[in-house]
Protein backbone atom coordinates (compact mmCIF):
# COMPACT_ATOMS: atom_id res chain seq x y z
CA MET A 1 23.01 -41.29 -36.21
CA LYS A 2 21.75 -43.69 -34.12
CA LYS A 3 18.15 -44.71 -34.13
CA LYS A 4 15.64 -44.43 -31.65
CA PRO A 5 13.40 -47.68 -30.93
CA ILE A 6 9.99 -46.91 -32.47
CA VAL A 7 6.83 -48.26 -30.03
CA PHE A 8 3.93 -49.77 -31.17
CA LYS A 9 0.63 -50.52 -29.64
CA VAL A 10 -1.28 -53.50 -30.74
CA PRO A 11 -4.85 -54.08 -30.40
CA PRO A 12 -6.24 -57.17 -28.39
CA ASN A 13 -6.97 -60.31 -31.22
CA SER A 14 -5.19 -57.80 -33.87
CA LYS A 15 -2.64 -57.65 -36.54
CA LEU A 16 -0.51 -54.39 -36.70
CA LYS A 17 0.76 -53.86 -40.46
CA ILE A 18 3.61 -51.16 -40.78
CA THR A 19 4.78 -50.21 -43.81
CA PHE A 20 7.98 -48.11 -44.50
CA PHE A 21 8.62 -45.70 -47.44
CA GLY A 22 11.38 -43.90 -49.13
CA PRO A 23 12.30 -40.38 -49.98
CA CYS A 24 10.68 -41.24 -53.40
CA ASN A 25 7.40 -42.66 -51.80
CA GLU A 26 8.64 -46.19 -52.81
CA VAL A 27 7.74 -48.81 -50.30
CA ILE A 28 10.86 -50.07 -48.42
CA THR A 29 9.56 -53.14 -46.43
CA ASN A 30 6.34 -54.00 -44.43
CA ARG A 31 7.12 -55.48 -40.86
CA SER A 32 3.54 -57.49 -39.07
CA ILE A 33 3.35 -57.86 -35.53
CA ILE A 34 0.73 -60.40 -34.14
CA ASN A 35 -1.25 -60.16 -30.96
CA GLN A 36 -3.14 -62.76 -29.96
CA LEU A 37 -3.85 -61.73 -26.30
CA CYS A 38 -6.90 -60.41 -25.05
CA THR A 39 -4.96 -57.32 -23.79
CA PRO A 40 -2.90 -54.55 -25.57
CA LYS A 41 0.58 -55.25 -26.22
CA CYS A 42 2.98 -52.89 -26.64
CA GLN A 43 6.01 -53.88 -29.13
CA THR A 44 9.04 -51.92 -30.06
CA ILE A 45 11.04 -52.15 -33.36
CA THR A 46 14.86 -51.22 -32.73
CA GLN A 47 15.94 -52.55 -36.28
CA TYR A 48 14.29 -50.74 -39.26
CA PRO A 49 15.52 -49.26 -42.86
CA ASP A 50 16.17 -45.41 -43.01
CA PHE A 51 12.51 -44.30 -43.70
CA LYS A 52 10.48 -40.95 -44.76
CA LYS A 53 7.60 -42.05 -43.59
CA TYR A 54 5.64 -44.91 -42.25
CA ILE A 55 1.63 -46.02 -42.44
CA THR A 56 0.21 -48.56 -40.14
CA GLU A 57 -2.65 -50.72 -40.74
CA VAL A 58 -4.90 -52.79 -37.97
CA ARG A 59 -6.95 -55.84 -38.63
CA SER A 60 -9.09 -58.06 -36.78
CA LEU A 61 -7.98 -61.73 -36.27
CA SER A 62 -11.23 -62.72 -35.18
CA ARG A 63 -14.07 -63.36 -37.93
CA CYS A 64 -16.67 -63.06 -35.31
């Protein structure tokens, strides 16, 4: 089966963490995308494991 690209929108000055889970809810892998720009950035992921679900977590890079 061909994998479809997954597109994530990363907010300005933020880090997006993506956690992929397997069929038994075990963590398969984590991916991080960092956007240091002042504008949102779209990032496409084409290589990822076979997963049941994924969750995303956004953290700000600024300490203001």
